[in-house]
Amino acid sequence: MNVSYGLENIWLWFTALLEKLFGWFGLPYIFAYTIEKIIFAAALLAFISISVLFLIWMERKVSAHIQSRLGPMHVGGWHGWAQTIADMVKLLFKEDIIPAKADKWVHRIAPIVVFVPSLMAFLVIPFEKNLIGQDLNVGILLIFAFSSLAVLAIIMGGWASNNKYTLIGGIRSAAQMVSYEIPLVLSVLSVVMMVGSLKLNDIVEAQSRVWFVFSQPLAFMLYIIAGTAEVNRTPFDLPEAEPELVGGYHTEYSSMKFAAFFLAEYANMIIASAMIVTLYLGGWQVPYIDKLGLSFTATTLIQIAACLCKMGAIMFFFIWVRWSIPRFRYDQLMSLGWKVMFPLALANIIWVAVLIMIFHL
């Protein structure tokens, strides 16, 4: 029996109301469909913006506790909540400067190219079985395709600025992200082999009994390390290493263009956390929730909250690692990716394939 959830009913009621309103005015269905997608995109953008503001506040507080920094502990109202908002307002009103000899069009486009793919990747992430933009059969491939565009944007920003430090930062980023994307994809491939589907909801439902973090611990560890490198977080933030490259690929950016790069970095961290939760930590699954006898609406809300809490734990881990581990040298970074993680990812795939052949998983 097909059961409708409470949140889904509200959305269906709203979309039906829109279609009736446009029908009364004699307008085609495409107008109502376009308005629905604009509203969904606006809600998604609001969710990302609020999440990034919270993450920046959380990062400052965690760094303050780990490294005994006094500023984030006292400045900005109660627990420093207003400091992030003040920084956002400051970026809105700062002067937008473009270097005289820069490629101006590419310089302007790069922050858009880096942020839009991050926004699009959220469309296929399931926060609950029905709380998903598009439940596509190739959801994982779509996320990898969008994440690959971030490499292009960073190279564009580094090259267009006409600065040696930004160019080196862009090239470093390309080499790093391409190198670590290989073990990242291979660690996901072992999960896909066990589930037999590229659909994210299918992967979540396959973990109703056992999460893949227990059956695929090596793939889980490889994904966390490679995911940290993909989003340029410490100890893998070599594209913007201040002792060598000043600010790296975004040195020549200011105002909202710089904010777009910053926003994309945190949005990618949210996506990486959501993917780790979806692939290895059961996604929106809550053990034994079906035995509690709750209503469908209560079950839905609990599953959404569980998914968000798991994501919050992974993001806290990313922040914790950033303020606890020193930055690698670039040769150490590349050696880890090619000499350690790549062979381990291949060995894990072979091991999973052997298990599937023997036990018909």
Protein backbone atom coordinates (compact mmCIF):
# COMPACT_ATOMS: atom_id res chain seq x y z
CA MET A 1 0.00 0.00 0.00
CA ASN A 2 1.33 3.41 -0.99
CA VAL A 3 1.31 5.64 2.10
CA SER A 4 1.52 9.43 1.79
CA TYR A 5 3.55 11.31 4.37
CA GLY A 6 2.38 14.52 6.00
CA LEU A 7 5.04 16.80 4.50
CA GLU A 8 4.48 15.30 1.06
CA ASN A 9 0.73 15.95 1.36
CA ILE A 10 1.37 19.63 2.15
CA TRP A 11 3.60 20.02 -0.90
CA LEU A 12 1.12 18.20 -3.16
CA TRP A 13 -1.71 20.40 -1.88
CA PHE A 14 0.34 23.53 -2.57
CA THR A 15 1.32 22.46 -6.10
CA ALA A 16 -2.30 21.52 -6.91
CA LEU A 17 -3.42 24.96 -5.69
CA LEU A 18 -0.86 26.65 -7.94
CA GLU A 19 -1.98 24.64 -10.95
CA LYS A 20 -5.63 25.57 -10.32
CA LEU A 21 -4.79 29.26 -9.96
CA PHE A 22 -2.89 29.34 -13.25
CA GLY A 23 -5.65 27.28 -14.86
CA TRP A 24 -8.26 29.88 -13.89
CA PHE A 25 -6.20 32.54 -15.68
CA GLY A 26 -5.91 30.36 -18.76
CA LEU A 27 -2.13 29.93 -18.45
CA PRO A 28 -0.42 26.66 -19.44
CA TYR A 29 0.90 24.15 -16.92
CA ILE A 30 4.52 25.16 -17.60
CA PHE A 31 4.00 28.39 -15.60
CA ALA A 32 2.88 26.52 -12.48
CA TYR A 33 5.72 24.03 -12.90
CA THR A 34 8.27 26.85 -13.20
CA ILE A 35 6.95 28.60 -10.07
CA GLU A 36 7.14 25.31 -8.12
CA LYS A 37 10.79 24.82 -9.09
CA ILE A 38 11.66 28.45 -8.26
CA ILE A 39 10.10 28.06 -4.80
CA PHE A 40 12.01 24.81 -4.25
CA ALA A 41 15.28 26.43 -5.37
CA ALA A 42 14.68 29.43 -3.08
CA ALA A 43 14.00 27.09 -0.12
CA LEU A 44 17.16 25.12 -0.96
CA LEU A 45 19.25 28.31 -1.16
CA ALA A 46 17.84 29.49 2.17
CA PHE A 47 18.69 26.12 3.76
CA ILE A 48 22.28 26.29 2.44
CA SER A 49 22.76 29.91 3.54
CA ILE A 50 21.46 29.29 7.07
CA SER A 51 23.49 26.08 7.34
CA VAL A 52 26.68 27.88 6.25
CA LEU A 53 26.10 30.66 8.79
CA PHE A 54 25.67 28.05 11.51
CA LEU A 55 28.78 26.15 10.35
CA ILE A 56 30.94 29.29 10.42
CA TRP A 57 29.73 30.03 13.96
CA MET A 58 30.32 26.41 14.95
CA GLU A 59 33.83 26.41 13.45
CA ARG A 60 34.76 29.52 15.41
CA LYS A 61 33.47 28.07 18.66
CA VAL A 62 35.20 24.70 18.17
CA SER A 63 38.49 26.41 17.25
CA ALA A 64 38.14 28.65 20.31
CA HIS A 65 37.78 25.65 22.62
CA ILE A 66 40.53 23.59 20.97
CA GLN A 67 43.13 26.36 20.65
CA SER A 68 42.06 28.64 23.54
CA ARG A 69 41.14 31.55 21.26
CA LEU A 70 39.54 34.32 23.30
CA GLY A 71 37.88 36.28 20.48
CA PRO A 72 35.18 33.79 19.42
CA MET A 73 34.44 33.09 23.09
CA HIS A 74 33.34 36.64 23.94
CA VAL A 75 32.84 38.87 20.85
CA GLY A 76 29.48 39.06 19.09
CA GLY A 77 26.73 38.78 21.66
CA TRP A 78 25.59 35.54 23.27
CA HIS A 79 28.21 32.91 22.36
CA GLY A 80 29.32 35.09 19.42
CA TRP A 81 26.18 34.55 17.30
CA ALA A 82 26.24 38.11 15.88
CA GLN A 83 29.85 38.02 14.66
CA THR A 84 29.05 35.84 11.63
CA ILE A 85 26.14 38.09 10.67
CA ALA A 86 28.42 41.14 11.01
CA ASP A 87 30.96 39.49 8.69
CA MET A 88 28.22 38.76 6.16
CA VAL A 89 27.08 42.40 6.18
CA LYS A 90 30.72 43.53 5.84
CA LEU A 91 31.21 41.36 2.74
CA LEU A 92 28.02 42.75 1.19
CA PHE A 93 29.30 46.34 1.41
CA LYS A 94 32.99 45.82 0.65
CA GLU A 95 34.39 47.21 -2.61
CA ASP A 96 34.55 44.71 -5.49
CA ILE A 97 38.11 44.97 -6.82
CA ILE A 98 39.33 43.41 -10.07
CA PRO A 99 43.09 43.53 -10.88
CA ALA A 100 43.93 45.81 -13.80
CA LYS A 101 45.43 43.07 -15.99
CA ALA A 102 43.02 40.31 -15.00
CA ASP A 103 40.69 38.54 -17.43
CA LYS A 104 37.62 40.39 -16.18
CA TRP A 105 34.90 38.12 -17.58
CA VAL A 106 36.47 34.91 -16.33
CA HIS A 107 37.22 36.65 -13.01
CA ARG A 108 33.50 37.46 -12.65
CA ILE A 109 32.20 34.08 -13.78
CA ALA A 110 34.45 31.83 -11.63
CA PRO A 111 32.58 32.41 -8.31
CA ILE A 112 29.29 31.54 -10.03
CA VAL A 113 30.73 28.39 -11.60
CA VAL A 114 32.05 27.23 -8.21
CA PHE A 115 28.77 27.77 -6.34
CA VAL A 116 26.03 26.69 -8.79
CA PRO A 117 27.21 23.01 -9.03
CA SER A 118 27.21 22.85 -5.22
CA LEU A 119 23.62 24.07 -5.22
CA MET A 120 22.60 21.56 -7.91
CA ALA A 121 24.10 18.60 -6.04
CA PHE A 122 21.55 19.07 -3.23
CA LEU A 123 18.74 18.11 -5.63
CA VAL A 124 19.48 14.37 -5.36
CA ILE A 125 20.39 14.11 -1.66
CA PRO A 126 17.64 12.35 0.35
CA PHE A 127 17.06 13.95 3.76
CA GLU A 128 14.11 11.56 4.05
CA LYS A 129 12.56 9.07 1.64
CA ASN A 130 10.23 11.71 0.16
CA LEU A 131 12.22 14.84 1.08
CA ILE A 132 14.38 14.89 -2.05
CA GLY A 133 14.44 17.17 -5.10
CA GLN A 134 14.72 14.46 -7.75
CA ASP A 135 15.10 10.79 -6.86
CA LEU A 136 17.17 9.91 -9.93
CA ASN A 137 18.47 6.46 -10.85
CA VAL A 138 21.94 7.98 -11.39
CA GLY A 139 22.02 10.23 -8.32
CA ILE A 140 25.60 9.33 -7.33
CA LEU A 141 26.92 9.99 -10.85
CA LEU A 142 25.19 13.37 -10.88
CA ILE A 143 26.85 14.42 -7.61
CA PHE A 144 30.29 13.40 -8.90
CA ALA A 145 29.65 15.26 -12.16
CA PHE A 146 28.73 18.47 -10.33
CA SER A 147 31.64 18.19 -7.89
CA SER A 148 34.06 17.87 -10.82
CA LEU A 149 33.02 21.32 -12.07
CA ALA A 150 34.47 22.89 -8.90
CA VAL A 151 37.95 22.07 -10.23
CA LEU A 152 37.26 24.10 -13.37
CA ALA A 153 36.00 27.08 -11.34
CA ILE A 154 39.07 27.15 -9.09
CA ILE A 155 41.41 27.01 -12.09
CA MET A 156 39.39 29.82 -13.71
CA GLY A 157 39.69 31.97 -10.60
CA GLY A 158 43.42 31.33 -10.27
CA TRP A 159 44.25 31.94 -13.93
CA ALA A 160 41.98 34.97 -14.46
CA SER A 161 43.49 36.89 -11.53
CA ASN A 162 46.84 37.27 -13.36
CA ASN A 163 48.75 36.43 -10.20
CA LYS A 164 51.42 33.75 -9.82
CA TYR A 165 50.23 32.74 -6.35
CA THR A 166 46.61 32.33 -7.46
CA LEU A 167 47.68 30.35 -10.54
CA ILE A 168 49.78 27.96 -8.43
CA GLY A 169 46.84 27.56 -6.04
CA GLY A 170 44.49 26.73 -8.93
CA ILE A 171 46.88 24.17 -10.43
CA ARG A 172 47.46 22.61 -7.02
CA SER A 173 43.74 22.30 -6.51
CA ALA A 174 43.24 20.60 -9.89
CA ALA A 175 45.98 18.05 -9.19
CA GLN A 176 44.71 17.41 -5.66
CA MET A 177 41.03 17.04 -6.51
CA VAL A 178 41.64 14.82 -9.55
CA SER A 179 44.03 12.62 -7.55
CA TYR A 180 41.68 12.16 -4.60
CA GLU A 181 38.57 11.77 -6.71
CA ILE A 182 39.84 8.36 -7.86
CA PRO A 183 39.92 6.68 -4.40
CA LEU A 184 36.71 8.57 -3.57
CA VAL A 185 34.85 7.01 -6.51
CA LEU A 186 36.39 3.59 -5.93
CA SER A 187 35.28 3.60 -2.28
CA VAL A 188 31.72 4.35 -3.43
CA LEU A 189 31.91 1.65 -6.10
CA SER A 190 32.19 -1.08 -3.46
CA VAL A 191 28.90 0.13 -1.93
CA VAL A 192 27.23 0.26 -5.36
CA MET A 193 28.37 -3.31 -6.03
CA MET A 194 26.65 -4.51 -2.85
CA VAL A 195 23.40 -2.60 -3.48
CA GLY A 196 23.24 -2.93 -7.26
CA SER A 197 21.90 0.58 -7.74
CA LEU A 198 23.13 4.16 -8.18
CA LYS A 199 19.96 5.53 -6.60
CA LEU A 200 20.66 7.13 -3.22
CA ASN A 201 17.33 6.10 -1.69
CA ASP A 202 18.03 2.48 -2.65
CA ILE A 203 21.39 2.67 -0.90
CA VAL A 204 19.75 4.06 2.25
CA GLU A 205 17.04 1.37 2.25
CA ALA A 206 19.71 -1.33 1.81
CA GLN A 207 21.05 -0.30 5.23
CA SER A 208 17.81 -1.01 7.10
CA ARG A 209 19.51 -3.86 8.99
CA VAL A 210 23.24 -3.09 8.96
CA TRP A 211 24.87 0.21 8.10
CA PHE A 212 27.67 -0.02 5.56
CA VAL A 213 30.10 1.57 8.01
CA PHE A 214 30.19 -1.86 9.70
CA SER A 215 30.32 -3.99 6.53
CA GLN A 216 32.57 -1.54 4.61
CA PRO A 217 34.85 0.05 7.24
CA LEU A 218 37.81 0.50 4.87
CA ALA A 219 35.64 2.19 2.22
CA PHE A 220 34.21 4.45 4.94
CA MET A 221 37.68 5.55 6.08
CA LEU A 222 38.85 6.10 2.50
CA TYR A 223 35.79 8.20 1.70
CA ILE A 224 36.23 10.43 4.76
CA ILE A 225 39.91 11.08 3.95
CA ALA A 226 39.30 11.63 0.23
CA GLY A 227 36.21 13.74 0.96
CA THR A 228 38.28 15.98 3.24
CA ALA A 229 40.78 16.48 0.42
CA GLU A 230 37.99 17.10 -2.12
CA VAL A 231 36.55 20.00 -0.13
CA ASN A 232 40.04 21.44 0.54
CA ARG A 233 39.84 21.15 4.31
CA THR A 234 42.87 20.97 6.61
CA PRO A 235 45.14 18.99 6.57
CA PHE A 236 44.58 19.00 2.78
CA ASP A 237 44.00 22.72 2.18
CA LEU A 238 47.12 23.17 0.04
CA PRO A 239 45.37 25.27 -2.68
CA GLU A 240 45.14 28.15 -0.17
CA ALA A 241 48.16 27.60 2.07
CA GLU A 242 48.86 31.03 3.53
CA PRO A 243 52.59 30.47 4.33
CA GLU A 244 53.29 29.80 0.64
CA LEU A 245 50.44 31.18 -1.48
CA VAL A 246 48.91 33.97 0.66
CA GLY A 247 45.21 33.23 0.07
CA GLY A 248 45.72 30.87 -2.86
CA TYR A 249 43.35 30.90 -5.82
CA HIS A 250 41.03 33.55 -4.31
CA THR A 251 43.73 36.04 -3.22
CA GLU A 252 42.52 38.67 -5.71
CA TYR A 253 38.82 38.32 -4.84
CA SER A 254 36.87 40.55 -2.49
CA SER A 255 33.31 41.38 -1.51
CA MET A 256 30.60 38.89 -2.57
CA LYS A 257 32.87 37.11 -5.05
CA PHE A 258 35.09 36.01 -2.18
CA ALA A 259 31.95 35.14 -0.21
CA ALA A 260 30.79 32.89 -3.08
CA PHE A 261 34.02 30.87 -2.88
CA PHE A 262 33.64 30.67 0.89
CA LEU A 263 29.97 29.69 0.60
CA ALA A 264 30.81 26.97 -1.93
CA GLU A 265 33.49 25.51 0.37
CA TYR A 266 31.04 25.10 3.23
CA ALA A 267 28.26 23.91 0.90
CA ASN A 268 30.64 21.22 -0.39
CA MET A 269 31.36 20.23 3.21
CA ILE A 270 27.62 19.80 3.79
CA ILE A 271 27.37 17.69 0.61
CA ALA A 272 30.34 15.54 1.66
CA SER A 273 28.72 15.01 5.08
CA ALA A 274 25.38 14.14 3.49
CA MET A 275 27.06 11.63 1.17
CA ILE A 276 28.94 9.96 4.05
CA VAL A 277 25.69 9.68 6.00
CA THR A 278 23.78 8.36 2.97
CA LEU A 279 26.40 5.84 1.87
CA TYR A 280 27.69 4.51 5.20
CA LEU A 281 25.60 5.69 8.16
CA GLY A 282 22.11 4.64 7.10
CA GLY A 283 20.95 8.03 5.81
CA TRP A 284 17.51 8.78 7.22
CA GLN A 285 17.15 5.26 8.66
CA VAL A 286 16.51 5.02 12.40
CA PRO A 287 16.88 1.52 13.93
CA TYR A 288 13.63 -0.06 15.19
CA ILE A 289 11.54 3.07 14.55
CA ASP A 290 8.86 0.95 12.86
CA LYS A 291 8.31 -0.89 16.16
CA LEU A 292 7.44 2.26 18.12
CA GLY A 293 3.96 2.59 16.64
CA LEU A 294 4.36 6.26 15.73
CA SER A 295 2.28 8.14 13.17
CA PHE A 296 3.68 8.61 9.68
CA THR A 297 4.22 12.33 10.24
CA ALA A 298 6.11 11.72 13.51
CA THR A 299 8.19 9.00 11.83
CA THR A 300 9.04 11.36 8.97
CA LEU A 301 10.12 14.16 11.30
CA ILE A 302 12.26 11.79 13.39
CA GLN A 303 13.95 10.44 10.26
CA ILE A 304 14.70 13.97 8.98
CA ALA A 305 16.10 14.93 12.40
CA ALA A 306 18.21 11.76 12.51
CA CYS A 307 19.69 12.49 9.07
CA LEU A 308 20.52 16.09 10.04
CA CYS A 309 22.06 14.99 13.37
CA LYS A 310 24.29 12.46 11.60
CA MET A 311 25.36 15.16 9.14
CA GLY A 312 26.08 17.52 12.04
CA ALA A 313 28.32 14.91 13.66
CA ILE A 314 30.34 14.45 10.46
CA MET A 315 30.68 18.23 9.99
CA PHE A 316 31.85 18.54 13.59
CA PHE A 317 34.46 15.88 12.78
CA PHE A 318 35.67 17.92 9.77
CA ILE A 319 35.99 21.02 11.96
CA TRP A 320 37.69 19.07 14.75
CA VAL A 321 40.29 17.68 12.32
CA ARG A 322 40.96 21.14 10.86
CA TRP A 323 41.95 22.63 14.21
CA SER A 324 43.83 19.56 15.49
CA ILE A 325 46.08 18.32 12.65
CA PRO A 326 48.80 20.40 10.92
CA ARG A 327 48.79 20.87 7.16
CA PHE A 328 50.59 18.27 5.03
CA ARG A 329 53.38 19.10 2.61
CA TYR A 330 52.30 18.82 -1.00
CA ASP A 331 54.52 15.80 -1.71
CA GLN A 332 53.02 14.06 1.35
CA LEU A 333 49.53 14.87 0.09
CA MET A 334 50.12 13.33 -3.34
CA SER A 335 52.00 10.32 -1.95
CA LEU A 336 49.11 9.51 0.38
CA GLY A 337 46.61 9.70 -2.47
CA TRP A 338 48.48 7.65 -5.08
CA LYS A 339 50.67 5.29 -3.02
CA VAL A 340 48.33 4.47 -0.13
CA MET A 341 44.68 5.29 -0.78
CA PHE A 342 44.50 4.24 -4.44
CA PRO A 343 45.91 0.70 -3.84
CA LEU A 344 43.72 0.27 -0.74
CA ALA A 345 40.60 1.31 -2.68
CA LEU A 346 41.42 -1.22 -5.45
CA ALA A 347 42.05 -3.96 -2.89
CA ASN A 348 38.74 -3.18 -1.19
CA ILE A 349 36.85 -3.51 -4.49
CA ILE A 350 38.48 -6.88 -5.21
CA TRP A 351 37.65 -8.07 -1.68
CA VAL A 352 33.99 -7.02 -2.02
CA ALA A 353 33.74 -8.68 -5.45
CA VAL A 354 35.09 -11.96 -3.99
CA LEU A 355 32.58 -11.81 -1.11
CA ILE A 356 29.71 -11.19 -3.54
CA MET A 357 30.76 -14.15 -5.69
CA ILE A 358 31.14 -16.51 -2.72
CA PHE A 359 28.14 -15.51 -0.59
CA HIS A 360 25.89 -14.11 -3.36
CA LEU A 361 25.31 -10.86 -1.45
